Amino acid sequence: MTYENLDRKLVNALLGDGRASLRSLAEQLDVSVTTVSNHLSDLEEDGIITGYTPKVDYDKLGYDVTAVVQLKAEGTSLPQVTERLREHEQMISVYEVTGDHDVIAIGKFEDTDDMNAQIKELLTDPEVKETNTSVVLNAASEHEQFTLETDD
């Protein structure tokens, strides 16, 4: 088995169970615990694996409203606008994009009043030229990851 293939299999195994022990990963991949440990350290060091976090269902915690916010930044202020959006705890994703808008942000809110207050706050920012907000009616797929192709 090539190292790259082992790394991909290790990533796939962790996608299946991010809390798996080194021993169980080694058994699953048919390699030694030391090999798994070394490869895992390399994947973390190279920034391929950046952390281990739980998957949270925000709807079940009362964040029932998901909004997609498209923004146009004023002049050269895109980095500042993007950074301020990243600092909003309820903005779970922030993307710089091509097209009619400069930024797309995904936010989770307790209700439409909470969403409305935060959107109005964005509109008072002089570096934000325009916003367009869409409320998600149904999340057909969310926070999905995909397994990597391997040679086997």
Protein backbone atom coordinates (compact mmCIF):
# COMPACT_ATOMS: atom_id res chain seq x y z
CA MET A 1 0.00 0.00 0.00
CA THR A 2 1.39 3.42 -0.93
CA TYR A 3 1.73 6.12 1.71
CA GLU A 4 -0.69 8.38 -0.16
CA ASN A 5 -3.23 5.58 -0.32
CA LEU A 6 -2.74 4.92 3.40
CA ASP A 7 -3.22 8.61 4.15
CA ARG A 8 -6.45 8.64 2.15
CA LYS A 9 -7.69 5.50 3.90
CA LEU A 10 -6.81 7.05 7.25
CA VAL A 11 -8.74 10.23 6.38
CA ASN A 12 -11.72 8.13 5.27
CA ALA A 13 -11.62 6.11 8.48
CA LEU A 14 -11.61 9.32 10.53
CA LEU A 15 -14.50 10.71 8.49
CA GLY A 16 -16.42 7.62 9.56
CA ASP A 17 -15.42 7.97 13.22
CA GLY A 18 -13.41 11.01 14.25
CA ARG A 19 -13.06 9.61 17.77
CA ALA A 20 -11.52 6.29 16.70
CA SER A 21 -8.49 5.20 18.70
CA LEU A 22 -5.10 4.70 17.08
CA ARG A 23 -5.40 0.99 17.83
CA SER A 24 -8.78 0.63 16.11
CA LEU A 25 -7.56 2.64 13.12
CA ALA A 26 -4.48 0.43 12.87
CA GLU A 27 -6.64 -2.71 12.96
CA GLN A 28 -9.03 -1.31 10.36
CA LEU A 29 -6.17 -0.32 8.02
CA ASP A 30 -4.08 -3.42 8.76
CA VAL A 31 -0.98 -1.44 9.78
CA SER A 32 0.83 -0.83 13.06
CA VAL A 33 -0.29 1.72 15.64
CA THR A 34 3.05 3.50 15.14
CA THR A 35 2.41 3.79 11.40
CA VAL A 36 -1.05 5.26 12.03
CA SER A 37 0.35 7.65 14.63
CA ASN A 38 3.14 8.83 12.31
CA HIS A 39 0.82 9.33 9.34
CA LEU A 40 -1.76 11.09 11.48
CA SER A 41 0.92 13.43 12.82
CA ASP A 42 2.06 14.17 9.26
CA LEU A 43 -1.53 14.86 8.12
CA GLU A 44 -1.99 17.28 11.02
CA GLU A 45 1.40 18.93 10.48
CA ASP A 46 0.67 19.40 6.76
CA GLY A 47 -2.68 21.02 7.59
CA ILE A 48 -4.71 18.30 5.87
CA ILE A 49 -6.43 17.45 9.14
CA THR A 50 -7.00 20.68 11.03
CA GLY A 51 -8.98 19.50 14.00
CA TYR A 52 -11.54 17.15 15.45
CA THR A 53 -14.95 18.62 16.19
CA PRO A 54 -18.42 17.25 16.85
CA LYS A 55 -21.17 17.61 14.28
CA VAL A 56 -23.78 19.88 15.87
CA ASP A 57 -27.43 20.00 14.82
CA TYR A 58 -28.10 23.70 15.38
CA ASP A 59 -31.80 23.29 14.61
CA LYS A 60 -32.16 21.06 17.67
CA LEU A 61 -30.49 23.79 19.75
CA GLY A 62 -33.03 26.39 18.67
CA TYR A 63 -31.24 27.94 15.69
CA ASP A 64 -34.13 27.30 13.33
CA VAL A 65 -33.37 29.93 10.69
CA THR A 66 -30.57 29.49 8.16
CA ALA A 67 -29.81 32.42 5.88
CA VAL A 68 -27.59 32.84 2.84
CA VAL A 69 -26.31 36.41 2.77
CA GLN A 70 -24.71 37.82 -0.37
CA LEU A 71 -22.72 41.04 0.04
CA LYS A 72 -20.99 43.57 -2.13
CA ALA A 73 -18.00 45.25 -0.52
CA GLU A 74 -17.08 48.90 -1.01
CA GLY A 75 -13.92 49.42 -3.07
CA THR A 76 -10.91 47.57 -1.67
CA SER A 77 -12.53 46.72 1.68
CA LEU A 78 -13.21 43.04 0.90
CA PRO A 79 -10.65 41.70 3.43
CA GLN A 80 -12.12 43.83 6.23
CA VAL A 81 -15.71 42.84 5.41
CA THR A 82 -14.75 39.17 5.22
CA GLU A 83 -12.92 39.36 8.56
CA ARG A 84 -15.88 41.02 10.31
CA LEU A 85 -18.20 38.32 8.99
CA ARG A 86 -15.80 35.63 10.23
CA GLU A 87 -15.96 37.23 13.67
CA HIS A 88 -19.77 36.85 13.81
CA GLU A 89 -20.25 33.64 15.78
CA GLN A 90 -23.45 32.73 13.99
CA MET A 91 -21.90 32.99 10.52
CA ILE A 92 -20.84 29.40 10.03
CA SER A 93 -19.35 29.82 6.54
CA VAL A 94 -17.91 32.84 4.76
CA TYR A 95 -16.75 32.69 1.14
CA GLU A 96 -15.14 35.27 -1.15
CA VAL A 97 -16.72 34.60 -4.55
CA THR A 98 -16.82 35.67 -8.16
CA GLY A 99 -19.96 36.96 -9.81
CA ASP A 100 -22.40 39.72 -8.87
CA HIS A 101 -21.45 39.67 -5.18
CA ASP A 102 -18.10 39.63 -3.40
CA VAL A 103 -18.97 37.51 -0.37
CA ILE A 104 -21.45 34.80 0.49
CA ALA A 105 -22.01 34.03 4.16
CA ILE A 106 -24.16 31.31 5.71
CA GLY A 107 -25.64 32.12 9.09
CA LYS A 108 -27.68 30.26 11.72
CA PHE A 109 -30.19 32.27 13.75
CA GLU A 110 -32.69 31.59 16.52
CA ASP A 111 -35.51 33.28 14.65
CA THR A 112 -36.18 35.85 11.93
CA ASP A 113 -35.92 38.73 14.45
CA ASP A 114 -32.38 37.59 15.36
CA MET A 115 -31.51 37.28 11.66
CA ASN A 116 -33.03 40.66 10.84
CA ALA A 117 -31.08 42.41 13.61
CA GLN A 118 -27.77 40.99 12.42
CA ILE A 119 -28.49 41.78 8.76
CA LYS A 120 -29.38 45.37 9.70
CA GLU A 121 -26.09 45.60 11.58
CA LEU A 122 -24.29 44.56 8.40
CA LEU A 123 -26.13 47.24 6.44
CA THR A 124 -24.84 49.95 8.78
CA ASP A 125 -21.25 48.99 7.93
CA PRO A 126 -19.99 51.67 5.50
CA GLU A 127 -17.76 49.07 3.81
CA VAL A 128 -20.78 46.95 2.85
CA LYS A 129 -22.35 48.40 -0.28
CA GLU A 130 -25.27 45.99 -0.67
CA THR A 131 -26.71 42.76 0.76
CA ASN A 132 -29.14 40.19 -0.57
CA THR A 133 -30.48 37.63 1.91
CA SER A 134 -32.22 34.33 1.21
CA VAL A 135 -33.82 32.29 3.98
CA VAL A 136 -33.33 28.54 3.61
CA LEU A 137 -36.65 26.69 3.54
CA ASN A 138 -35.21 23.18 3.70
CA ALA A 139 -31.63 21.95 4.04
CA ALA A 140 -31.47 19.04 1.63
CA SER A 141 -27.80 18.51 2.51
CA GLU A 142 -25.63 20.31 5.03
CA HIS A 143 -22.11 20.00 6.47
CA GLU A 144 -21.39 16.96 4.33
CA GLN A 145 -17.92 15.63 3.73
CA PHE A 146 -16.90 13.07 1.17
CA THR A 147 -14.62 10.10 1.28
CA LEU A 148 -11.46 10.17 -0.80
CA GLU A 149 -10.87 7.78 -3.67
CA THR A 150 -8.28 5.10 -3.03
CA ASP A 151 -6.54 2.65 -5.33
CA ASP A 152 -8.20 -0.35 -3.71
